[in-house]
C-alpha atoms as a PDB file:
ATOM      1  CA  MET A   1     -17.005  28.599  38.031  1.00  0.00           C
ATOM      2  CA  LYS A   2     -17.464  24.784  38.165  1.00  0.00           C
ATOM      3  CA  LYS A   3     -21.018  25.022  36.816  1.00  0.00           C
ATOM      4  CA  LYS A   4     -19.662  27.094  33.805  1.00  0.00           C
ATOM      5  CA  LEU A   5     -16.911  24.717  33.033  1.00  0.00           C
ATOM      6  CA  ILE A   6     -19.284  21.655  33.186  1.00  0.00           C
ATOM      7  CA  MET A   7     -21.792  23.528  30.967  1.00  0.00           C
ATOM      8  CA  PHE A   8     -19.025  24.436  28.535  1.00  0.00           C
ATOM      9  CA  ILE A   9     -17.834  20.914  28.317  1.00  0.00           C
ATOM     10  CA  SER A  10     -21.448  19.616  27.780  1.00  0.00           C
ATOM     11  CA  VAL A  11     -22.093  22.136  24.973  1.00  0.00           C
ATOM     12  CA  ALA A  12     -18.742  21.391  23.267  1.00  0.00           C
ATOM     13  CA  GLY A  13     -19.378  17.708  23.397  1.00  0.00           C
ATOM     14  CA  LEU A  14     -22.806  18.070  21.938  1.00  0.00           C
ATOM     15  CA  VAL A  15     -21.481  20.223  19.146  1.00  0.00           C
ATOM     16  CA  ILE A  16     -18.793  17.623  18.384  1.00  0.00           C
ATOM     17  CA  MET A  17     -21.337  14.835  18.373  1.00  0.00           C
ATOM     18  CA  VAL A  18     -23.563  16.698  15.929  1.00  0.00           C
ATOM     19  CA  LEU A  19     -20.798  17.604  13.574  1.00  0.00           C
ATOM     20  CA  ALA A  20     -19.648  13.833  13.599  1.00  0.00           C
ATOM     21  CA  MET A  21     -23.228  12.758  12.800  1.00  0.00           C
ATOM     22  CA  ILE A  22     -23.532  15.363   9.957  1.00  0.00           C
ATOM     23  CA  PHE A  23     -20.066  14.413   8.512  1.00  0.00           C
ATOM     24  CA  GLN A  24     -20.787  10.684   8.650  1.00  0.00           C
ATOM     25  CA  SER A  25     -24.276  10.871   7.064  1.00  0.00           C
ATOM     26  CA  HIS A  26     -23.055  13.133   4.312  1.00  0.00           C
ATOM     27  CA  GLU A  27     -20.009  11.207   3.526  1.00  0.00           C
ATOM     28  CA  SER A  28     -21.035   7.711   3.706  1.00  0.00           C
ATOM     29  CA  ALA A  29     -24.869   7.492   2.943  1.00  0.00           C
ATOM     30  CA  GLY A  30     -24.161   3.758   2.678  1.00  0.00           C
ATOM     31  CA  ASN A  31     -21.453   4.110   0.078  1.00  0.00           C
ATOM     32  CA  PRO A  32     -17.918   2.950   0.655  1.00  0.00           C
ATOM     33  CA  THR A  33     -15.537   5.673   2.089  1.00  0.00           C
ATOM     34  CA  ALA A  34     -11.865   6.148   1.177  1.00  0.00           C
ATOM     35  CA  LYS A  35     -11.062   4.745   4.735  1.00  0.00           C
ATOM     36  CA  GLU A  36     -12.928   1.484   3.952  1.00  0.00           C
ATOM     37  CA  ILE A  37     -11.491   0.997   0.425  1.00  0.00           C
ATOM     38  CA  VAL A  38      -7.887   1.733   1.441  1.00  0.00           C
ATOM     39  CA  SER A  39      -8.128  -0.454   4.700  1.00  0.00           C
ATOM     40  CA  GLU A  40      -9.220  -3.399   2.585  1.00  0.00           C
ATOM     41  CA  ASN A  41      -6.573  -2.562  -0.300  1.00  0.00           C
ATOM     42  CA  PRO A  42      -3.709  -0.237   0.664  1.00  0.00           C
ATOM     43  CA  ASP A  43      -2.647  -0.114  -2.963  1.00  0.00           C
ATOM     44  CA  ALA A  44      -6.080   1.014  -4.137  1.00  0.00           C
ATOM     45  CA  ASP A  45      -6.246   3.641  -7.033  1.00  0.00           C
ATOM     46  CA  ILE A  46      -9.132   5.933  -5.960  1.00  0.00           C
ATOM     47  CA  LEU A  47     -10.261   9.522  -6.114  1.00  0.00           C
ATOM     48  CA  LYS A  48     -13.198  11.259  -4.633  1.00  0.00           C
ATOM     49  CA  LEU A  49     -15.651  13.411  -6.562  1.00  0.00           C
ATOM     50  CA  ASP A  50     -18.882  14.910  -5.016  1.00  0.00           C
ATOM     51  CA  GLY A  51     -18.602  12.709  -2.012  1.00  0.00           C
ATOM     52  CA  LEU A  52     -18.242   9.392  -3.953  1.00  0.00           C
ATOM     53  CA  ILE A  53     -15.306   7.254  -4.193  1.00  0.00           C
ATOM     54  CA  TYR A  54     -14.181   6.282  -7.714  1.00  0.00           C
ATOM     55  CA  THR A  55     -11.757   3.357  -8.499  1.00  0.00           C
ATOM     56  CA  ASN A  56      -9.599   2.817 -11.661  1.00  0.00           C
ATOM     57  CA  VAL A  57     -11.326   0.100 -13.775  1.00  0.00           C
ATOM     58  CA  SER A  58      -9.206   0.606 -16.889  1.00  0.00           C
ATOM     59  CA  ASP A  59      -7.722  -2.846 -16.537  1.00  0.00           C
ATOM     60  CA  ARG A  60     -10.970  -4.775 -16.375  1.00  0.00           C
ATOM     61  CA  GLU A  61     -11.982  -6.740 -19.414  1.00  0.00           C
ATOM     62  CA  TRP A  62     -15.612  -5.395 -19.702  1.00  0.00           C
ATOM     63  CA  ILE A  63     -14.218  -1.865 -19.881  1.00  0.00           C
ATOM     64  CA  LYS A  64     -12.395  -2.593 -22.930  1.00  0.00           C
ATOM     65  CA  ASP A  65     -15.626  -3.848 -24.566  1.00  0.00           C
ATOM     66  CA  ASN A  66     -17.156  -0.294 -24.265  1.00  0.00           C
ATOM     67  CA  ASP A  67     -16.401   2.977 -25.953  1.00  0.00           C
ATOM     68  CA  TYR A  68     -15.605   5.889 -23.630  1.00  0.00           C
ATOM     69  CA  THR A  69     -14.762   9.254 -25.202  1.00  0.00           C
ATOM     70  CA  LYS A  70     -13.481  12.257 -23.295  1.00  0.00           C
ATOM     71  CA  ASN A  71     -16.199  14.988 -22.869  1.00  0.00           C
ATOM     72  CA  LYS A  72     -15.936  18.180 -20.832  1.00  0.00           C
ATOM     73  CA  ALA A  73     -13.470  18.740 -17.951  1.00  0.00           C
ATOM     74  CA  ILE A  74     -14.858  18.369 -14.564  1.00  0.00           C
ATOM     75  CA  GLY A  75     -11.796  19.450 -12.550  1.00  0.00           C
ATOM     76  CA  GLU A  76      -8.409  18.334 -11.597  1.00  0.00           C
ATOM     77  CA  VAL A  77      -6.798  16.362  -8.663  1.00  0.00           C
ATOM     78  CA  LYS A  78      -6.102  18.828  -5.764  1.00  0.00           C
ATOM     79  CA  LYS A  79      -3.993  16.471  -3.640  1.00  0.00           C
ATOM     80  CA  GLN A  80      -2.381  13.030  -3.810  1.00  0.00           C
ATOM     81  CA  THR A  81      -2.762  11.330  -0.525  1.00  0.00           C
ATOM     82  CA  THR A  82      -3.148   7.998   1.256  1.00  0.00           C
ATOM     83  CA  ASN A  83      -4.214   9.670   4.497  1.00  0.00           C
ATOM     84  CA  THR A  84      -8.017   8.849   4.561  1.00  0.00           C
ATOM     85  CA  TRP A  85      -8.882  10.655   7.700  1.00  0.00           C
ATOM     86  CA  TRP A  86     -10.057  13.915   5.923  1.00  0.00           C
ATOM     87  CA  TYR A  87     -10.312  12.550   2.393  1.00  0.00           C
ATOM     88  CA  ARG A  88     -11.799  15.457   0.574  1.00  0.00           C
ATOM     89  CA  ASN A  89     -13.289  15.994  -3.018  1.00  0.00           C
ATOM     90  CA  LEU A  90     -10.725  15.872  -5.757  1.00  0.00           C
ATOM     91  CA  TYR A  91      -8.203  13.953  -3.648  1.00  0.00           C
ATOM     92  CA  ALA A  92      -6.636  10.843  -5.143  1.00  0.00           C
ATOM     93  CA  SER A  93      -4.548   8.006  -3.820  1.00  0.00           C
ATOM     94  CA  LYS A  94      -2.365   7.525  -6.871  1.00  0.00           C
ATOM     95  CA  LEU A  95      -3.029  10.398  -9.312  1.00  0.00           C
ATOM     96  CA  PRO A  96      -0.649  13.313  -9.071  1.00  0.00           C
ATOM     97  CA  LYS A  97      -2.018  16.753  -8.227  1.00  0.00           C
ATOM     98  CA  GLY A  98      -3.113  18.493 -11.377  1.00  0.00           C
ATOM     99  CA  THR A  99      -4.320  15.285 -13.171  1.00  0.00           C
ATOM    100  CA  LYS A 100      -7.267  16.486 -15.313  1.00  0.00           C
ATOM    101  CA  ILE A 101     -10.776  14.817 -14.740  1.00  0.00           C
ATOM    102  CA  TYR A 102     -13.388  14.665 -17.503  1.00  0.00           C
ATOM    103  CA  SER A 103     -17.013  13.420 -17.959  1.00  0.00           C
ATOM    104  CA  VAL A 104     -17.313  10.788 -20.547  1.00  0.00           C
ATOM    105  CA  ASN A 105     -19.392  10.307 -23.720  1.00  0.00           C
ATOM    106  CA  ASP A 106     -22.172  12.817 -23.900  1.00  0.00           C
ATOM    107  CA  ARG A 107     -22.898  12.801 -20.094  1.00  0.00           C
ATOM    108  CA  GLU A 108     -23.064  16.335 -18.850  1.00  0.00           C
ATOM    109  CA  TYR A 109     -21.696  17.106 -15.413  1.00  0.00           C
ATOM    110  CA  SER A 110     -23.093  19.456 -12.770  1.00  0.00           C
ATOM    111  CA  LYS A 111     -21.669  19.805  -9.326  1.00  0.00           C
ATOM    112  CA  GLY A 112     -23.476  17.443  -6.870  1.00  0.00           C
ATOM    113  CA  ASP A 113     -24.570  15.151  -9.737  1.00  0.00           C
ATOM    114  CA  ALA A 114     -21.557  12.707  -9.913  1.00  0.00           C
ATOM    115  CA  PRO A 115     -21.602  10.471 -12.905  1.00  0.00           C
ATOM    116  CA  ALA A 116     -21.119   6.755 -12.825  1.00  0.00           C
ATOM    117  CA  PHE A 117     -17.909   6.876 -14.872  1.00  0.00           C
ATOM    118  CA  ILE A 118     -15.222   9.610 -15.293  1.00  0.00           C
ATOM    119  CA  MET A 119     -12.020   9.731 -17.248  1.00  0.00           C
ATOM    120  CA  VAL A 120      -8.701  11.030 -16.181  1.00  0.00           C
ATOM    121  CA  GLU A 121      -5.879  11.984 -18.322  1.00  0.00           C
ATOM    122  CA  LYS A 122      -2.194  11.290 -17.108  1.00  0.00           C
ATOM    123  CA  ASN A 123       0.872  11.322 -19.139  1.00  0.00           C
ATOM    124  CA  ASP A 124      -1.012  11.405 -22.427  1.00  0.00           C
ATOM    125  CA  GLU A 125      -2.978   8.230 -21.323  1.00  0.00           C
ATOM    126  CA  GLU A 126      -6.625   7.963 -20.468  1.00  0.00           C
ATOM    127  CA  ALA A 127      -8.077   5.950 -17.692  1.00  0.00           C
ATOM    128  CA  ILE A 128     -11.681   5.237 -16.743  1.00  0.00           C
ATOM    129  CA  TYR A 129     -12.783   5.418 -13.148  1.00  0.00           C
ATOM    130  CA  GLN A 130     -16.184   4.020 -11.892  1.00  0.00           C
ATOM    131  CA  SER A 131     -18.101   5.276  -8.819  1.00  0.00           C
ATOM    132  CA  LEU A 132     -18.449   2.885  -5.901  1.00  0.00           C
ATOM    133  CA  VAL A 133     -22.131   3.064  -4.946  1.00  0.00           C
ATOM    134  CA  GLU A 134     -23.932   0.618  -2.765  1.00  0.00           C
ATOM    135  CA  GLY A 135     -27.342  -0.624  -3.823  1.00  0.00           C
END
C-alpha cells in the first residue's frame, strides 16, 4: 500500500510539473503576463487576446497622429477581472463584459494571429490597444 501511495504521489507531482511548464511556456514566451503588468501597475487597463496582453494606448500622443479605423469584429470581453492567476483570453481588467473588440484598418484577423493593434468600442467611444511583445 505504501509503495502505491508513493508512486501515485510521484506521478501526480510529475503531471503537475509538466502542466506548469506547458502553461508557462505557452503563456509567456518572453512576453509580459497579466500578473507582471498588474503587479507593476495595479490600475493598468489591459486585455488578453491570443495569449498576448494588450494595453490601452489611446491617451498617448503618438496614437493621435495615426489613423485607425474599425474593421471586422474579433470578439468581445468575456470577463472583467483583476485576478491575474488564471487570466484567460478575452479577459480585461477595466473593460466590462460584452465590450466589442475589432481589428483595425485593413488588417485581417485569424485566431492565433494576434494583431499589433486592436480597437474596442465602449459607450460609443473607440479606444486603441497595443500588444505588449518583447523583442
